[in-house]
Amino acid sequence: MKTGILLLLFLFTGHVLLAESESERVSLILDLIPKREKFAQAGNATAAFEIDAKLIQHPAPADPDFSKLLPGSWRSPRHDYLYRKDGTWTLLPVEEGILHGRWLLKGNRIYESQGYTPANEASPAYTIILLNKDFFVRTDGKYVFYETRLK
């Protein structure tokens, strides 16, 4: 068997998917994102949460490029966000009094604070599952949060 990251995902179809490399892990996650979204839109929370539970078990490895990939505008199901290169974030649209804060990346973890308090390892933290040019998927260990880059 090849060395590398093993990702075992069992979905309702009964298919077992195995990834033996980081590129295969990413491909599997990219395949699951639209499936998870369809389940959620159809009101099948059980199936959506099953995918979430599997993804939580397989975080991204630390990547020094995360700090280059994060800056930009992102859309979540609830809000749009702007992450700036200077380590600050804000809800969109940017206007007086809008929720904002700071972010810090360390390894595969993102720490976020609100207001002007600097983010640090005592701040609320999320483990990154996937961060690329299109998707930002992270978890607090219980829930998975999905964001897509705004063009």
N, C-alpha and C. Protein backbone atom coordinates (compact mmCIF):
# COMPACT_ATOMS: atom_id res chain seq x y z
N MET A 1 0.85 -1.19 0.00
CA MET A 1 0.00 0.00 0.00
C MET A 1 0.89 1.24 0.00
N LYS A 2 0.48 2.26 -0.73
CA LYS A 2 1.23 3.50 -0.78
C LYS A 2 1.22 4.17 0.59
N THR A 3 2.27 4.91 0.87
CA THR A 3 2.26 5.73 2.08
C THR A 3 1.53 7.02 1.75
N GLY A 4 1.16 7.74 2.75
CA GLY A 4 0.46 9.00 2.52
C GLY A 4 -0.76 9.09 3.39
N ILE A 5 -1.60 9.99 3.04
CA ILE A 5 -2.80 10.25 3.82
C ILE A 5 -3.88 9.28 3.37
N LEU A 6 -4.44 8.57 4.32
CA LEU A 6 -5.55 7.68 3.99
C LEU A 6 -6.85 8.35 4.36
N LEU A 7 -7.74 8.37 3.42
CA LEU A 7 -9.05 8.97 3.65
C LEU A 7 -10.09 7.93 3.31
N LEU A 8 -10.86 7.54 4.29
CA LEU A 8 -11.86 6.52 4.11
C LEU A 8 -13.22 7.17 4.30
N LEU A 9 -14.00 7.22 3.25
CA LEU A 9 -15.32 7.83 3.33
C LEU A 9 -16.36 6.79 2.95
N PHE A 10 -17.31 6.57 3.83
CA PHE A 10 -18.39 5.65 3.54
C PHE A 10 -19.67 6.45 3.44
N LEU A 11 -20.26 6.44 2.26
CA LEU A 11 -21.48 7.19 2.04
C LEU A 11 -22.66 6.23 1.96
N PHE A 12 -23.82 6.78 1.87
CA PHE A 12 -25.05 6.00 1.89
C PHE A 12 -25.14 5.00 0.76
N THR A 13 -24.41 5.21 -0.31
CA THR A 13 -24.42 4.27 -1.42
C THR A 13 -23.70 2.98 -1.06
N GLY A 14 -22.94 3.00 0.02
CA GLY A 14 -22.19 1.83 0.42
C GLY A 14 -20.82 1.76 -0.20
N HIS A 15 -20.46 2.76 -1.00
CA HIS A 15 -19.14 2.78 -1.63
C HIS A 15 -18.10 3.26 -0.63
N VAL A 16 -17.00 2.60 -0.60
CA VAL A 16 -15.87 3.02 0.21
C VAL A 16 -14.89 3.72 -0.72
N LEU A 17 -14.53 4.93 -0.35
CA LEU A 17 -13.60 5.70 -1.15
C LEU A 17 -12.29 5.81 -0.39
N LEU A 18 -11.20 5.53 -1.07
CA LEU A 18 -9.89 5.54 -0.43
C LEU A 18 -8.96 6.47 -1.18
N ALA A 19 -8.37 7.40 -0.46
CA ALA A 19 -7.38 8.29 -1.07
C ALA A 19 -6.04 8.03 -0.40
N GLU A 20 -5.02 7.85 -1.22
CA GLU A 20 -3.70 7.55 -0.68
C GLU A 20 -2.72 8.70 -0.87
N SER A 21 -3.20 9.84 -1.32
CA SER A 21 -2.33 11.00 -1.49
C SER A 21 -3.13 12.24 -1.14
N GLU A 22 -2.42 13.34 -0.96
CA GLU A 22 -3.09 14.60 -0.67
C GLU A 22 -3.95 15.03 -1.85
N SER A 23 -3.49 14.84 -3.07
CA SER A 23 -4.30 15.24 -4.23
C SER A 23 -5.58 14.42 -4.32
N GLU A 24 -5.51 13.15 -3.96
CA GLU A 24 -6.72 12.32 -3.96
C GLU A 24 -7.66 12.75 -2.84
N ARG A 25 -7.11 13.11 -1.68
CA ARG A 25 -7.93 13.60 -0.56
C ARG A 25 -8.69 14.84 -0.99
N VAL A 26 -8.01 15.77 -1.64
CA VAL A 26 -8.64 17.01 -2.10
C VAL A 26 -9.71 16.70 -3.15
N SER A 27 -9.42 15.80 -4.08
CA SER A 27 -10.40 15.44 -5.11
C SER A 27 -11.66 14.86 -4.50
N LEU A 28 -11.50 14.01 -3.49
CA LEU A 28 -12.67 13.42 -2.83
C LEU A 28 -13.49 14.49 -2.12
N ILE A 29 -12.82 15.41 -1.46
CA ILE A 29 -13.54 16.49 -0.77
C ILE A 29 -14.28 17.35 -1.79
N LEU A 30 -13.62 17.68 -2.89
CA LEU A 30 -14.26 18.48 -3.93
C LEU A 30 -15.47 17.76 -4.52
N ASP A 31 -15.42 16.44 -4.57
CA ASP A 31 -16.56 15.66 -5.04
C ASP A 31 -17.70 15.67 -4.03
N LEU A 32 -17.36 15.71 -2.75
CA LEU A 32 -18.39 15.66 -1.70
C LEU A 32 -19.08 17.00 -1.46
N ILE A 33 -18.41 18.11 -1.73
CA ILE A 33 -19.01 19.43 -1.45
C ILE A 33 -20.35 19.61 -2.16
N PRO A 34 -20.46 19.38 -3.48
CA PRO A 34 -21.77 19.56 -4.11
C PRO A 34 -22.81 18.54 -3.64
N LYS A 35 -22.36 17.33 -3.32
CA LYS A 35 -23.29 16.32 -2.80
C LYS A 35 -23.86 16.76 -1.46
N ARG A 36 -22.98 17.28 -0.61
CA ARG A 36 -23.42 17.76 0.70
C ARG A 36 -24.41 18.91 0.54
N GLU A 37 -24.12 19.81 -0.40
CA GLU A 37 -25.01 20.94 -0.64
C GLU A 37 -26.39 20.48 -1.13
N LYS A 38 -26.41 19.48 -2.01
CA LYS A 38 -27.70 18.94 -2.49
C LYS A 38 -28.49 18.33 -1.34
N PHE A 39 -27.82 17.58 -0.48
CA PHE A 39 -28.50 17.00 0.69
C PHE A 39 -29.09 18.10 1.55
N ALA A 40 -28.30 19.13 1.81
CA ALA A 40 -28.77 20.23 2.67
C ALA A 40 -29.96 20.95 2.03
N GLN A 41 -29.88 21.23 0.74
CA GLN A 41 -30.98 21.91 0.05
C GLN A 41 -32.24 21.07 0.00
N ALA A 42 -32.08 19.76 -0.03
CA ALA A 42 -33.23 18.85 -0.06
C ALA A 42 -33.80 18.61 1.33
N GLY A 43 -33.17 19.18 2.34
CA GLY A 43 -33.64 19.00 3.70
C GLY A 43 -33.20 17.69 4.34
N ASN A 44 -32.23 17.02 3.74
CA ASN A 44 -31.73 15.76 4.27
C ASN A 44 -30.52 16.06 5.17
N ALA A 45 -30.82 16.57 6.36
CA ALA A 45 -29.77 16.95 7.30
C ALA A 45 -28.93 15.75 7.72
N THR A 46 -29.54 14.59 7.84
CA THR A 46 -28.81 13.40 8.26
C THR A 46 -27.69 13.08 7.28
N ALA A 47 -28.00 13.10 6.00
CA ALA A 47 -26.98 12.81 4.99
C ALA A 47 -25.90 13.91 4.96
N ALA A 48 -26.32 15.16 5.08
CA ALA A 48 -25.36 16.27 5.09
C ALA A 48 -24.42 16.15 6.29
N PHE A 49 -24.98 15.86 7.45
CA PHE A 49 -24.15 15.74 8.66
C PHE A 49 -23.24 14.52 8.61
N GLU A 50 -23.66 13.47 7.91
CA GLU A 50 -22.81 12.29 7.74
C GLU A 50 -21.55 12.66 6.95
N ILE A 51 -21.72 13.44 5.90
CA ILE A 51 -20.56 13.91 5.13
C ILE A 51 -19.69 14.80 6.01
N ASP A 52 -20.32 15.71 6.76
CA ASP A 52 -19.56 16.58 7.66
C ASP A 52 -18.72 15.76 8.64
N ALA A 53 -19.33 14.73 9.23
CA ALA A 53 -18.63 13.91 10.22
C ALA A 53 -17.40 13.24 9.61
N LYS A 54 -17.51 12.80 8.38
CA LYS A 54 -16.36 12.18 7.72
C LYS A 54 -15.27 13.21 7.42
N LEU A 55 -15.69 14.40 6.97
CA LEU A 55 -14.70 15.43 6.64
C LEU A 55 -13.93 15.90 7.86
N ILE A 56 -14.62 15.99 9.00
CA ILE A 56 -13.96 16.43 10.24
C ILE A 56 -12.78 15.51 10.58
N GLN A 57 -12.91 14.25 10.22
CA GLN A 57 -11.86 13.27 10.55
C GLN A 57 -10.61 13.42 9.67
N HIS A 58 -10.70 14.28 8.63
CA HIS A 58 -9.59 14.36 7.68
C HIS A 58 -9.21 15.80 7.36
N PRO A 59 -8.60 16.46 8.34
CA PRO A 59 -8.20 17.85 8.13
C PRO A 59 -7.07 17.97 7.11
N ALA A 60 -6.94 19.17 6.58
CA ALA A 60 -5.84 19.45 5.66
C ALA A 60 -4.52 19.43 6.42
N PRO A 61 -3.46 19.05 5.75
CA PRO A 61 -2.13 19.21 6.38
C PRO A 61 -1.79 20.70 6.42
N ALA A 62 -0.86 21.06 7.26
CA ALA A 62 -0.41 22.46 7.32
C ALA A 62 0.13 22.86 5.95
N ASP A 63 -0.19 24.07 5.53
CA ASP A 63 0.24 24.55 4.22
C ASP A 63 0.68 26.00 4.35
N PRO A 64 1.92 26.30 4.03
CA PRO A 64 2.39 27.68 4.14
C PRO A 64 1.67 28.63 3.17
N ASP A 65 1.01 28.10 2.15
CA ASP A 65 0.28 28.94 1.20
C ASP A 65 -1.10 29.35 1.69
N PHE A 66 -1.57 28.80 2.80
CA PHE A 66 -2.90 29.17 3.30
C PHE A 66 -3.02 30.68 3.47
N SER A 67 -1.98 31.32 3.98
CA SER A 67 -2.06 32.77 4.21
C SER A 67 -2.13 33.56 2.90
N LYS A 68 -1.70 32.94 1.80
CA LYS A 68 -1.83 33.57 0.49
C LYS A 68 -3.20 33.30 -0.13
N LEU A 69 -3.79 32.15 0.21
CA LEU A 69 -5.07 31.75 -0.37
C LEU A 69 -6.27 32.38 0.33
N LEU A 70 -6.15 32.67 1.61
CA LEU A 70 -7.30 33.15 2.37
C LEU A 70 -7.77 34.55 1.99
N PRO A 71 -6.89 35.53 1.80
CA PRO A 71 -7.38 36.88 1.52
C PRO A 71 -8.31 36.93 0.30
N GLY A 72 -9.39 37.67 0.47
CA GLY A 72 -10.39 37.80 -0.58
C GLY A 72 -11.78 37.77 0.00
N SER A 73 -12.77 37.76 -0.86
CA SER A 73 -14.17 37.75 -0.45
C SER A 73 -14.73 36.34 -0.54
N TRP A 74 -15.47 35.95 0.50
CA TRP A 74 -16.01 34.60 0.62
C TRP A 74 -17.50 34.65 0.95
N ARG A 75 -18.24 33.67 0.44
CA ARG A 75 -19.68 33.55 0.72
C ARG A 75 -19.95 32.27 1.49
N SER A 76 -20.62 32.43 2.63
CA SER A 76 -21.11 31.29 3.39
C SER A 76 -22.63 31.25 3.21
N PRO A 77 -23.29 30.21 3.68
CA PRO A 77 -24.76 30.20 3.56
C PRO A 77 -25.45 31.38 4.26
N ARG A 78 -24.79 31.96 5.27
CA ARG A 78 -25.42 33.04 6.03
C ARG A 78 -24.92 34.43 5.69
N HIS A 79 -23.62 34.57 5.42
CA HIS A 79 -23.02 35.89 5.25
C HIS A 79 -21.92 35.86 4.20
N ASP A 80 -21.55 37.05 3.76
CA ASP A 80 -20.35 37.22 2.94
C ASP A 80 -19.29 37.85 3.83
N TYR A 81 -18.04 37.44 3.61
CA TYR A 81 -16.92 37.91 4.43
C TYR A 81 -15.80 38.42 3.53
N LEU A 82 -15.02 39.33 4.06
CA LEU A 82 -13.80 39.79 3.42
C LEU A 82 -12.65 39.52 4.37
N TYR A 83 -11.68 38.70 3.92
CA TYR A 83 -10.45 38.45 4.66
C TYR A 83 -9.36 39.25 3.97
N ARG A 84 -8.70 40.12 4.72
CA ARG A 84 -7.66 40.98 4.15
C ARG A 84 -6.27 40.39 4.44
N LYS A 85 -5.31 40.78 3.60
CA LYS A 85 -3.92 40.33 3.76
C LYS A 85 -3.32 40.77 5.08
N ASP A 86 -3.83 41.86 5.65
CA ASP A 86 -3.27 42.38 6.90
C ASP A 86 -3.75 41.64 8.15
N GLY A 87 -4.51 40.53 7.95
CA GLY A 87 -4.96 39.74 9.09
C GLY A 87 -6.26 40.22 9.70
N THR A 88 -7.03 41.03 8.98
CA THR A 88 -8.34 41.46 9.47
C THR A 88 -9.42 40.85 8.60
N TRP A 89 -10.62 40.76 9.16
CA TRP A 89 -11.78 40.28 8.40
C TRP A 89 -12.98 41.16 8.75
N THR A 90 -13.97 41.14 7.89
CA THR A 90 -15.20 41.89 8.13
C THR A 90 -16.35 41.22 7.38
N LEU A 91 -17.55 41.41 7.90
CA LEU A 91 -18.73 41.02 7.14
C LEU A 91 -18.88 41.98 5.98
N LEU A 92 -19.47 41.51 4.91
CA LEU A 92 -19.76 42.37 3.76
C LEU A 92 -21.25 42.66 3.71
N PRO A 93 -21.68 43.80 3.26
CA PRO A 93 -20.85 44.90 2.77
C PRO A 93 -20.18 45.64 3.93
N VAL A 94 -19.01 46.20 3.65
CA VAL A 94 -18.28 46.96 4.66
C VAL A 94 -19.03 48.26 4.91
N GLU A 95 -19.44 48.46 6.14
CA GLU A 95 -20.11 49.70 6.53
C GLU A 95 -19.90 49.93 8.02
N GLU A 96 -20.16 51.12 8.46
CA GLU A 96 -19.96 51.51 9.86
C GLU A 96 -20.71 50.54 10.79
N GLY A 97 -20.01 50.06 11.80
CA GLY A 97 -20.63 49.22 12.82
C GLY A 97 -20.78 47.75 12.46
N ILE A 98 -20.30 47.34 11.28
CA ILE A 98 -20.45 45.94 10.85
C ILE A 98 -19.47 45.06 11.65
N LEU A 99 -19.87 43.82 11.89
CA LEU A 99 -19.03 42.87 12.62
C LEU A 99 -17.70 42.69 11.89
N HIS A 100 -16.61 42.71 12.64
CA HIS A 100 -15.27 42.58 12.07
C HIS A 100 -14.34 41.98 13.12
N GLY A 101 -13.13 41.66 12.70
CA GLY A 101 -12.16 41.11 13.64
C GLY A 101 -10.83 40.85 12.97
N ARG A 102 -10.07 39.96 13.60
CA ARG A 102 -8.74 39.63 13.11
C ARG A 102 -8.60 38.12 12.97
N TRP A 103 -7.71 37.69 12.08
CA TRP A 103 -7.46 36.28 11.87
C TRP A 103 -5.96 36.00 11.91
N LEU A 104 -5.65 34.75 12.26
CA LEU A 104 -4.26 34.29 12.34
C LEU A 104 -4.25 32.83 11.91
N LEU A 105 -3.36 32.49 11.00
CA LEU A 105 -3.19 31.11 10.56
C LEU A 105 -1.94 30.52 11.18
N LYS A 106 -2.07 29.31 11.73
CA LYS A 106 -0.92 28.56 12.26
C LYS A 106 -1.14 27.11 11.89
N GLY A 107 -0.24 26.58 11.08
CA GLY A 107 -0.40 25.20 10.62
C GLY A 107 -1.66 25.07 9.79
N ASN A 108 -2.56 24.18 10.23
CA ASN A 108 -3.84 24.03 9.53
C ASN A 108 -5.00 24.59 10.37
N ARG A 109 -4.68 25.53 11.24
CA ARG A 109 -5.70 26.14 12.11
C ARG A 109 -5.82 27.62 11.83
N ILE A 110 -7.06 28.12 11.87
CA ILE A 110 -7.30 29.54 11.76
C ILE A 110 -7.94 30.00 13.07
N TYR A 111 -7.36 31.04 13.64
CA TYR A 111 -7.85 31.64 14.88
C TYR A 111 -8.49 32.97 14.52
N GLU A 112 -9.67 33.22 15.06
CA GLU A 112 -10.38 34.45 14.74
C GLU A 112 -10.84 35.15 16.01
N SER A 113 -10.67 36.46 16.01
CA SER A 113 -11.18 37.28 17.11
C SER A 113 -12.16 38.29 16.53
N GLN A 114 -12.95 38.89 17.41
CA GLN A 114 -13.88 39.93 16.98
C GLN A 114 -13.41 41.28 17.50
N GLY A 115 -13.76 42.31 16.77
CA GLY A 115 -13.36 43.65 17.17
C GLY A 115 -11.88 43.87 16.87
N TYR A 116 -11.24 44.66 17.73
CA TYR A 116 -9.85 45.03 17.49
C TYR A 116 -8.86 44.17 18.29
N THR A 117 -9.36 43.19 19.00
CA THR A 117 -8.49 42.30 19.75
C THR A 117 -7.69 41.42 18.78
N PRO A 118 -6.38 41.37 18.91
CA PRO A 118 -5.60 40.51 18.01
C PRO A 118 -5.98 39.04 18.17
N ALA A 119 -6.01 38.32 17.06
CA ALA A 119 -6.24 36.87 17.11
C ALA A 119 -4.98 36.20 17.63
N ASN A 120 -5.17 35.20 18.48
CA ASN A 120 -4.05 34.41 18.98
C ASN A 120 -4.54 33.01 19.27
N GLU A 121 -3.68 32.17 19.81
CA GLU A 121 -4.05 30.77 20.03
C GLU A 121 -5.11 30.59 21.11
N ALA A 122 -5.46 31.65 21.82
CA ALA A 122 -6.57 31.59 22.79
C ALA A 122 -7.90 32.00 22.14
N SER A 123 -7.84 32.49 20.91
CA SER A 123 -9.04 32.90 20.18
C SER A 123 -9.80 31.67 19.70
N PRO A 124 -11.09 31.83 19.37
CA PRO A 124 -11.82 30.71 18.77
C PRO A 124 -11.06 30.18 17.55
N ALA A 125 -10.97 28.86 17.45
CA ALA A 125 -10.15 28.25 16.41
C ALA A 125 -10.96 27.27 15.57
N TYR A 126 -10.54 27.16 14.33
CA TYR A 126 -11.14 26.21 13.39
C TYR A 126 -10.01 25.45 12.71
N THR A 127 -10.23 24.18 12.45
CA THR A 127 -9.28 23.37 11.70
C THR A 127 -9.68 23.41 10.24
N ILE A 128 -8.72 23.69 9.39
CA ILE A 128 -8.98 23.77 7.96
C ILE A 128 -9.06 22.36 7.37
N ILE A 129 -10.13 22.12 6.64
CA ILE A 129 -10.29 20.86 5.91
C ILE A 129 -9.84 21.06 4.47
N LEU A 130 -10.21 22.21 3.89
CA LEU A 130 -9.81 22.54 2.53
C LEU A 130 -9.76 24.05 2.40
N LEU A 131 -8.69 24.55 1.84
CA LEU A 131 -8.58 25.96 1.48
C LEU A 131 -7.84 26.01 0.15
N ASN A 132 -8.57 26.41 -0.89
CA ASN A 132 -7.96 26.56 -2.20
C ASN A 132 -8.51 27.83 -2.85
N LYS A 133 -8.35 28.00 -4.13
CA LYS A 133 -8.79 29.23 -4.78
C LYS A 133 -10.31 29.36 -4.82
N ASP A 134 -11.03 28.27 -4.62
CA ASP A 134 -12.50 28.28 -4.72
C ASP A 134 -13.24 28.01 -3.42
N PHE A 135 -12.68 27.20 -2.53
CA PHE A 135 -13.39 26.76 -1.33
C PHE A 135 -12.58 26.97 -0.06
N PHE A 136 -13.30 27.31 0.99
CA PHE A 136 -12.74 27.42 2.34
C PHE A 136 -13.66 26.59 3.24
N VAL A 137 -13.20 25.41 3.61
CA VAL A 137 -13.98 24.49 4.42
C VAL A 137 -13.22 24.28 5.72
N ARG A 138 -13.90 24.49 6.83
CA ARG A 138 -13.25 24.41 8.14
C ARG A 138 -14.22 23.85 9.16
N THR A 139 -13.67 23.44 10.30
CA THR A 139 -14.50 22.86 11.34
C THR A 139 -14.07 23.36 12.71
N ASP A 140 -15.06 23.45 13.59
CA ASP A 140 -14.75 23.73 15.00
C ASP A 140 -14.67 22.43 15.80
N GLY A 141 -14.73 21.31 15.10
CA GLY A 141 -14.70 20.00 15.73
C GLY A 141 -16.08 19.38 15.87
N LYS A 142 -17.10 20.19 15.75
CA LYS A 142 -18.48 19.71 15.83
C LYS A 142 -19.23 19.98 14.53
N TYR A 143 -19.07 21.19 14.00
CA TYR A 143 -19.75 21.59 12.77
C TYR A 143 -18.72 21.89 11.69
N VAL A 144 -19.15 21.75 10.44
CA VAL A 144 -18.31 22.09 9.30
C VAL A 144 -18.91 23.33 8.65
N PHE A 145 -18.05 24.27 8.31
CA PHE A 145 -18.47 25.54 7.72
C PHE A 145 -17.91 25.61 6.30
N TYR A 146 -18.78 25.91 5.35
CA TYR A 146 -18.43 25.91 3.94
C TYR A 146 -18.54 27.34 3.41
N GLU A 147 -17.48 27.77 2.72
CA GLU A 147 -17.49 29.08 2.08
C GLU A 147 -16.95 28.93 0.67
N THR A 148 -17.50 29.70 -0.25
CA THR A 148 -17.01 29.73 -1.62
C THR A 148 -16.50 31.14 -1.92
N ARG A 149 -15.45 31.19 -2.73
CA ARG A 149 -14.87 32.50 -3.06
C ARG A 149 -15.80 33.26 -3.97
N LEU A 150 -15.98 34.54 -3.66
CA LEU A 150 -16.74 35.42 -4.52
C LEU A 150 -15.83 35.89 -5.64
N LYS A 151 -16.34 35.95 -6.83
CA LYS A 151 -15.54 36.36 -7.99
C LYS A 151 -15.51 37.85 -8.11
